Amino acid sequence: MKKRIGILTSGGDCPGLNCVIRAAVSHATRTFNWQVVGIPYATQGLLERKTVPLSIHGWDLRGIDPLLNMGGTILGSINKGDTLAHADEILAGYEAIALDALIIVGGDGSLEIIHQLAVLGHWNLIAIPKTIDHDVAFTEHSIGFDTAVNTIVDAINRLIFTAASHDRVMIIEVMGRNAGHLALHSGIAGGADVILIPEVPYTIQGICNHLTELREQWQKKFAIIVVAEGISVCTEDANNPSTCTTAKCGQGQYIAEKIANCSHHLIDTRVSVLGHIQRGGIPSALDRLTATMFGKVAIDLIAQNQYDQMLAWQNGKVVTFPIQDVIDKNPSLVDPQGDLVQTARSLGIYIGE
């Protein structure tokens, strides 16, 4: 029986989303002769009852397929608004466009909201994890994370020469919300001297002591500090919760101001907030491969009538978990006692107490 499949991308964009679309459409069309339509701007497209025809024959230019190396999403995306307030209209829109199944590519927030809609509307739903924050439970790879880490490491590679030339402390503030995966991975890979993440308490004095040790014991007059955007801003002691608050932005500048006069050596600081640069660019090979596998397996699950599942990457292959189980475990945070944190410390990186 010929099926009509919908696919949408929701939440913040990231590299690799178009690779999912490409793989799902190619497999559904070539293997099963199904029809695949895109839903523009996620649930907004369902609300407005809009679809975009997707065909493997409409993308190439003289045999060149652009979707493998195109960042963002050709379907558009949204990450704001009160979706559930329009639940009835969205459910009616889903019925109007007559889908047999829906594939969503989103992060933990999108996953929870659209799953609620799917339960209300009895949708046949398959979910694919994408987020540069890497905070979706159960999956070792989420689409976009590897590219974002590479982008941050490239920025560190560029900034480190300026830091060394001017004896400066370069502070790089990265995304991640309340999860420190981006900062931890990129800080280790980029050779940072200090990594601050939400999951591990830190003190300004601890940072200052480490910078002094670098200068006096190791004769290193510059340093690289990677700061996750979700760290607590602590006035005195990170071990006293009453002195710490969580802010949405400006953590890099806060750290710069606090460490500027923390030793008898004048510390010249500069802050780089990478912001949405981390979301852009050409997807890495790993993100392309993961996205392609996810797109292919999503169609296989639909062919087997296995729904209400999220795909995850574990031990080199794609596995599935009930969506509600994933939601119950989200967000997935850095383990303060995990191997990466211990590795950072063994390399002489200050990562907190």
Protein backbone atom coordinates (compact mmCIF):
# COMPACT_ATOMS: atom_id res chain seq x y z
CA MET A 1 0.00 0.00 0.00
CA LYS A 2 1.46 3.36 -1.02
CA LYS A 3 2.05 5.63 1.95
CA ARG A 4 2.17 9.40 2.29
CA ILE A 5 4.92 10.38 4.72
CA GLY A 6 5.49 13.78 6.26
CA ILE A 7 8.80 15.10 7.59
CA LEU A 8 9.51 18.24 9.59
CA THR A 9 12.45 19.91 11.34
CA SER A 10 11.78 21.67 14.63
CA GLY A 11 13.73 23.78 17.11
CA GLY A 12 17.05 25.45 16.44
CA ASP A 13 18.69 24.59 13.13
CA CYS A 14 21.97 22.73 12.84
CA PRO A 15 24.11 21.08 10.15
CA GLY A 16 22.89 17.65 9.03
CA LEU A 17 19.14 18.25 8.91
CA ASN A 18 19.08 18.24 5.12
CA CYS A 19 20.99 14.94 5.14
CA VAL A 20 18.12 13.34 7.06
CA ILE A 21 15.59 14.69 4.56
CA ARG A 22 17.69 13.48 1.63
CA ALA A 23 18.07 9.94 3.01
CA ALA A 24 14.44 9.55 4.05
CA VAL A 25 13.09 10.76 0.71
CA SER A 26 15.55 8.69 -1.30
CA HIS A 27 14.83 5.46 0.59
CA ALA A 28 11.07 5.96 0.68
CA THR A 29 10.93 6.79 -3.02
CA ARG A 30 13.39 4.28 -4.44
CA THR A 31 12.59 1.32 -2.19
CA PHE A 32 8.86 1.68 -1.52
CA ASN A 33 7.59 4.17 -4.12
CA TRP A 34 6.02 6.23 -1.32
CA GLN A 35 5.20 9.91 -1.43
CA VAL A 36 7.12 12.18 0.97
CA VAL A 37 6.10 15.74 1.74
CA GLY A 38 7.86 18.32 3.86
CA ILE A 39 6.04 20.30 6.53
CA PRO A 40 7.40 23.87 6.41
CA TYR A 41 8.33 25.55 9.68
CA ALA A 42 7.46 22.56 11.85
CA THR A 43 4.08 22.74 13.62
CA GLN A 44 3.41 26.08 11.95
CA GLY A 45 3.11 24.18 8.68
CA LEU A 46 0.61 21.77 10.24
CA LEU A 47 -1.34 24.70 11.64
CA GLU A 48 -1.51 26.32 8.21
CA ARG A 49 -2.04 22.97 6.41
CA LYS A 50 0.95 23.49 4.14
CA THR A 51 3.19 20.88 2.53
CA VAL A 52 6.24 20.95 0.29
CA PRO A 53 6.63 18.20 -2.34
CA LEU A 54 9.93 16.36 -1.91
CA SER A 55 11.51 14.44 -4.76
CA ILE A 56 14.97 12.99 -5.28
CA HIS A 57 14.82 14.33 -8.84
CA GLY A 58 14.31 17.95 -7.85
CA TRP A 59 17.50 18.67 -5.93
CA ASP A 60 20.42 18.01 -8.22
CA LEU A 61 22.14 20.49 -10.50
CA ARG A 62 23.80 18.66 -13.39
CA GLY A 63 24.15 15.62 -11.15
CA ILE A 64 25.32 17.54 -8.06
CA ASP A 65 23.30 16.84 -4.90
CA PRO A 66 23.48 19.93 -2.64
CA LEU A 67 21.75 18.53 0.44
CA LEU A 68 24.74 16.58 1.74
CA ASN A 69 26.77 19.73 2.36
CA MET A 70 24.05 22.30 2.97
CA GLY A 71 23.62 23.60 6.51
CA GLY A 72 20.32 24.63 8.04
CA THR A 73 17.11 23.07 6.77
CA ILE A 74 15.34 23.48 3.46
CA LEU A 75 12.02 23.06 5.31
CA GLY A 76 12.59 25.91 7.74
CA SER A 77 12.17 25.61 11.49
CA ILE A 78 10.78 27.41 14.54
CA ASN A 79 11.80 27.35 18.19
CA LYS A 80 9.39 29.79 19.78
CA GLY A 81 5.69 30.22 20.49
CA ASP A 82 3.08 28.34 22.52
CA THR A 83 2.46 25.35 20.25
CA LEU A 84 0.14 23.50 22.61
CA ALA A 85 -2.16 26.51 22.81
CA HIS A 86 -3.02 25.77 19.18
CA ALA A 87 -3.24 22.01 19.60
CA ASP A 88 -6.75 21.64 18.16
CA GLU A 89 -5.87 23.59 15.02
CA ILE A 90 -2.64 21.63 14.54
CA LEU A 91 -4.44 18.31 14.96
CA ALA A 92 -7.03 19.39 12.41
CA GLY A 93 -4.25 20.43 10.04
CA TYR A 94 -2.57 17.05 10.37
CA GLU A 95 -5.83 15.32 9.42
CA ALA A 96 -6.34 17.68 6.49
CA ILE A 97 -2.99 16.90 4.87
CA ALA A 98 -3.70 13.16 5.26
CA LEU A 99 -0.43 11.67 6.43
CA ASP A 100 0.13 7.97 7.11
CA ALA A 101 3.17 8.77 9.31
CA LEU A 102 5.27 11.69 10.44
CA ILE A 103 9.03 11.94 10.96
CA ILE A 104 10.20 14.74 13.23
CA VAL A 105 13.80 15.86 13.55
CA GLY A 106 14.18 17.84 16.76
CA GLY A 107 15.74 18.31 20.17
CA ASP A 108 14.38 17.53 23.60
CA GLY A 109 11.92 20.43 23.69
CA SER A 110 10.44 19.73 20.26
CA LEU A 111 10.32 16.03 21.03
CA GLU A 112 8.19 16.52 24.13
CA ILE A 113 5.76 18.98 22.55
CA ILE A 114 5.19 17.07 19.33
CA HIS A 115 4.87 13.79 21.20
CA GLN A 116 2.04 15.32 23.22
CA LEU A 117 0.32 16.29 19.97
CA ALA A 118 0.91 12.82 18.54
CA VAL A 119 -0.72 11.19 21.55
CA LEU A 120 -3.75 13.49 21.29
CA GLY A 121 -4.07 12.95 17.55
CA HIS A 122 -3.08 9.25 17.44
CA TRP A 123 -0.31 10.04 14.97
CA ASN A 124 2.14 7.47 13.66
CA LEU A 125 5.30 9.21 14.84
CA ILE A 126 9.03 8.57 14.44
CA ALA A 127 11.55 10.92 16.09
CA ILE A 128 15.15 11.65 15.14
CA PRO A 129 17.41 13.50 17.63
CA LYS A 130 19.19 16.64 16.54
CA THR A 131 20.82 19.19 18.82
CA ILE A 132 24.18 20.86 19.09
CA ASP A 133 23.64 20.73 22.88
CA HIS A 134 23.86 16.91 22.80
CA ASP A 135 21.36 16.67 25.66
CA VAL A 136 18.90 14.10 24.27
CA ALA A 137 18.93 10.90 26.31
CA PHE A 138 20.16 7.49 25.12
CA THR A 139 21.98 8.56 21.95
CA GLU A 140 25.77 8.78 21.61
CA HIS A 141 25.41 11.08 18.61
CA SER A 142 22.81 13.75 17.98
CA ILE A 143 22.77 15.44 14.59
CA GLY A 144 24.68 18.72 14.55
CA PHE A 145 26.79 18.19 17.67
CA ASP A 146 29.95 16.98 15.94
CA THR A 147 29.93 19.87 13.46
CA ALA A 148 29.40 22.38 16.27
CA VAL A 149 32.34 20.93 18.23
CA ASN A 150 34.53 21.18 15.12
CA THR A 151 33.45 24.80 14.62
CA ILE A 152 34.39 25.70 18.20
CA VAL A 153 37.73 23.90 17.94
CA ASP A 154 38.46 25.82 14.75
CA ALA A 155 37.73 29.07 16.61
CA ILE A 156 40.06 28.03 19.45
CA ASN A 157 42.76 27.17 16.91
CA ARG A 158 42.54 30.72 15.56
CA LEU A 159 42.31 32.51 18.91
CA ILE A 160 45.18 30.64 20.54
CA PHE A 161 47.78 32.37 18.34
CA THR A 162 46.50 35.81 19.26
CA ALA A 163 46.44 34.79 22.92
CA ALA A 164 50.05 33.62 22.74
CA SER A 165 51.22 36.69 20.81
CA HIS A 166 49.80 39.15 23.34
CA ASP A 167 50.03 37.12 26.58
CA ARG A 168 46.25 37.24 26.87
CA VAL A 169 43.61 35.08 28.46
CA MET A 170 41.07 34.30 25.75
CA ILE A 171 37.60 33.41 27.02
CA ILE A 172 35.35 31.59 24.56
CA GLU A 173 31.67 31.38 25.51
CA VAL A 174 29.82 28.51 23.83
CA MET A 175 26.23 27.29 23.67
CA GLY A 176 24.73 24.23 25.35
CA ARG A 177 22.01 25.65 27.61
CA ASN A 178 22.20 23.72 30.89
CA ALA A 179 24.43 20.96 29.49
CA GLY A 180 28.21 21.22 29.26
CA HIS A 181 28.86 18.74 26.45
CA LEU A 182 29.84 21.36 23.86
CA ALA A 183 32.25 23.13 26.19
CA LEU A 184 33.78 19.91 27.51
CA HIS A 185 34.32 18.22 24.15
CA SER A 186 35.59 21.32 22.37
CA GLY A 187 37.72 22.44 25.32
CA ILE A 188 39.56 19.13 25.51
CA ALA A 189 39.95 18.88 21.74
CA GLY A 190 41.04 22.51 21.46
CA GLY A 191 43.62 22.39 24.24
CA ALA A 192 41.86 24.71 26.71
CA ASP A 193 43.43 25.48 30.08
CA VAL A 194 40.11 26.01 31.88
CA ILE A 195 36.70 24.53 31.07
CA LEU A 196 33.62 25.69 32.99
CA ILE A 197 30.42 23.67 32.65
CA PRO A 198 27.08 23.80 34.51
CA GLU A 199 27.46 20.32 35.99
CA VAL A 200 30.69 20.98 37.92
CA PRO A 201 30.98 23.75 40.57
CA TYR A 202 33.89 26.15 40.22
CA THR A 203 35.38 29.08 42.12
CA ILE A 204 36.95 32.26 40.82
CA GLN A 205 39.85 31.61 43.17
CA GLY A 206 40.30 28.17 41.65
CA ILE A 207 40.58 29.73 38.19
CA CYS A 208 43.01 32.35 39.46
CA ASN A 209 45.18 29.78 41.19
CA HIS A 210 45.36 27.75 37.99
CA LEU A 211 46.32 30.77 35.87
CA THR A 212 49.02 31.66 38.41
CA GLU A 213 50.35 28.11 38.32
CA LEU A 214 50.49 28.18 34.52
CA ARG A 215 52.50 31.39 34.60
CA GLU A 216 54.83 30.77 37.52
CA GLN A 217 55.43 27.03 37.32
CA TRP A 218 55.10 26.42 33.59
CA GLN A 219 56.02 29.89 32.24
CA LYS A 220 52.84 30.00 30.19
CA LYS A 221 51.75 33.62 29.96
CA PHE A 222 48.49 33.06 28.05
CA ALA A 223 45.49 30.81 28.53
CA ILE A 224 42.32 29.60 26.84
CA ILE A 225 39.14 29.41 28.91
CA VAL A 226 36.03 27.74 27.46
CA VAL A 227 32.83 28.75 29.25
CA ALA A 228 29.45 27.08 28.77
CA GLU A 229 26.58 29.55 28.57
CA GLY A 230 24.67 27.76 31.33
CA ILE A 231 27.24 28.01 34.12
CA SER A 232 26.25 29.53 37.43
CA VAL A 233 27.44 33.04 38.13
CA CYS A 234 28.98 32.84 41.60
CA THR A 235 29.83 35.83 43.74
CA GLU A 236 32.07 33.98 46.20
CA ASP A 237 31.94 30.24 46.71
CA ALA A 238 30.45 27.85 44.15
CA ASN A 239 29.89 25.30 46.89
CA ASN A 240 27.40 27.63 48.56
CA PRO A 241 24.25 27.62 46.40
CA SER A 242 23.03 30.87 47.92
CA THR A 243 25.82 32.76 46.17
CA CYS A 244 25.15 31.32 42.72
CA THR A 245 22.54 32.13 40.11
CA THR A 246 22.07 30.82 36.58
CA ALA A 247 21.98 33.41 33.83
CA LYS A 248 21.18 33.15 30.14
CA CYS A 249 24.08 35.11 28.73
CA GLY A 250 27.16 37.08 29.63
CA GLN A 251 28.99 34.36 31.56
CA GLY A 252 32.15 34.84 29.53
CA GLN A 253 32.23 38.56 30.32
CA TYR A 254 31.53 37.83 33.98
CA ILE A 255 34.52 35.47 34.19
CA ALA A 256 36.71 38.04 32.40
CA GLU A 257 35.83 40.76 34.89
CA LYS A 258 36.35 38.51 37.91
CA ILE A 259 39.80 37.21 36.92
CA ALA A 260 41.24 40.48 35.59
CA ASN A 261 42.75 41.43 38.97
CA CYS A 262 43.01 38.08 40.69
CA SER A 263 46.82 38.01 40.89
CA HIS A 264 49.76 40.36 41.15
CA HIS A 265 50.20 39.95 37.40
CA LEU A 266 47.90 42.06 35.23
CA ILE A 267 45.68 39.69 33.28
CA ASP A 268 44.71 41.00 29.85
CA THR A 269 41.45 39.30 28.86
CA ARG A 270 39.36 39.14 25.71
CA VAL A 271 35.95 37.50 25.33
CA SER A 272 34.58 35.82 22.20
CA VAL A 273 30.94 34.79 22.25
CA LEU A 274 30.59 32.36 19.34
CA GLY A 275 26.80 32.44 19.39
CA HIS A 276 24.99 31.22 16.30
CA ILE A 277 28.25 30.64 14.43
CA GLN A 278 28.16 27.27 16.22
CA ARG A 279 24.90 26.36 14.46
CA GLY A 280 26.09 27.04 10.94
CA GLY A 281 28.39 25.58 8.36
CA ILE A 282 28.80 22.44 6.31
CA PRO A 283 27.96 19.24 8.24
CA SER A 284 30.90 17.06 9.24
CA ALA A 285 31.33 13.56 7.85
CA LEU A 286 30.10 12.07 11.15
CA ASP A 287 26.96 14.20 11.14
CA ARG A 288 26.31 13.28 7.49
CA LEU A 289 26.68 9.56 8.21
CA THR A 290 24.55 9.66 11.36
CA ALA A 291 21.84 11.70 9.68
CA THR A 292 21.79 9.41 6.66
CA MET A 293 21.47 6.31 8.81
CA PHE A 294 18.71 7.91 10.88
CA GLY A 295 16.76 8.90 7.75
CA LYS A 296 17.03 5.41 6.29
CA VAL A 297 16.04 3.57 9.49
CA ALA A 298 13.09 5.93 10.06
CA ILE A 299 11.60 4.75 6.77
CA ASP A 300 12.30 1.12 7.67
CA LEU A 301 10.35 1.53 10.92
CA ILE A 302 7.40 3.00 9.04
CA ALA A 303 7.48 0.04 6.65
CA GLN A 304 7.32 -2.25 9.70
CA ASN A 305 4.53 -0.17 11.32
CA GLN A 306 6.72 0.47 14.38
CA TYR A 307 5.82 3.89 15.71
CA ASP A 308 6.21 6.09 18.78
CA GLN A 309 9.97 5.45 18.65
CA MET A 310 13.03 7.70 18.77
CA LEU A 311 16.15 6.61 16.95
CA ALA A 312 19.45 6.63 18.83
CA TRP A 313 23.06 5.86 17.98
CA GLN A 314 24.69 3.32 20.27
CA ASN A 315 27.77 1.15 19.76
CA GLY A 316 28.06 1.94 16.09
CA LYS A 317 24.47 1.26 15.08
CA VAL A 318 20.98 2.73 15.15
CA VAL A 319 18.68 1.51 17.92
CA THR A 320 15.24 2.64 19.06
CA PHE A 321 13.61 3.74 22.31
CA PRO A 322 9.99 4.58 23.14
CA ILE A 323 9.68 8.36 22.89
CA GLN A 324 8.20 8.69 26.36
CA ASP A 325 11.21 6.88 27.86
CA VAL A 326 13.49 9.43 26.20
CA ILE A 327 11.42 12.36 27.45
CA ASP A 328 11.50 10.98 30.98
CA LYS A 329 15.33 10.88 30.88
CA ASN A 330 15.88 14.29 29.25
CA PRO A 331 17.98 16.35 29.47
CA SER A 332 21.13 14.25 29.35
CA LEU A 333 23.85 16.14 31.22
CA VAL A 334 27.60 15.69 31.64
CA ASP A 335 28.55 13.15 34.30
CA PRO A 336 30.78 15.09 36.75
CA GLN A 337 32.58 11.81 37.54
CA GLY A 338 32.70 10.62 33.93
CA ASP A 339 35.69 9.74 31.81
CA LEU A 340 35.82 13.03 29.92
CA VAL A 341 35.87 15.12 33.10
CA GLN A 342 38.57 12.89 34.58
CA THR A 343 40.54 13.07 31.33
CA ALA A 344 40.42 16.87 31.40
CA ARG A 345 41.75 16.93 34.94
CA SER A 346 44.51 14.45 34.11
CA LEU A 347 45.64 16.83 31.35
CA GLY A 348 45.98 19.66 33.85
CA ILE A 349 42.79 21.46 32.83
CA TYR A 350 40.95 23.31 35.58
CA ILE A 351 37.33 22.16 35.41
CA GLY A 352 36.10 23.05 38.86
CA GLU A 353 36.16 21.49 42.29
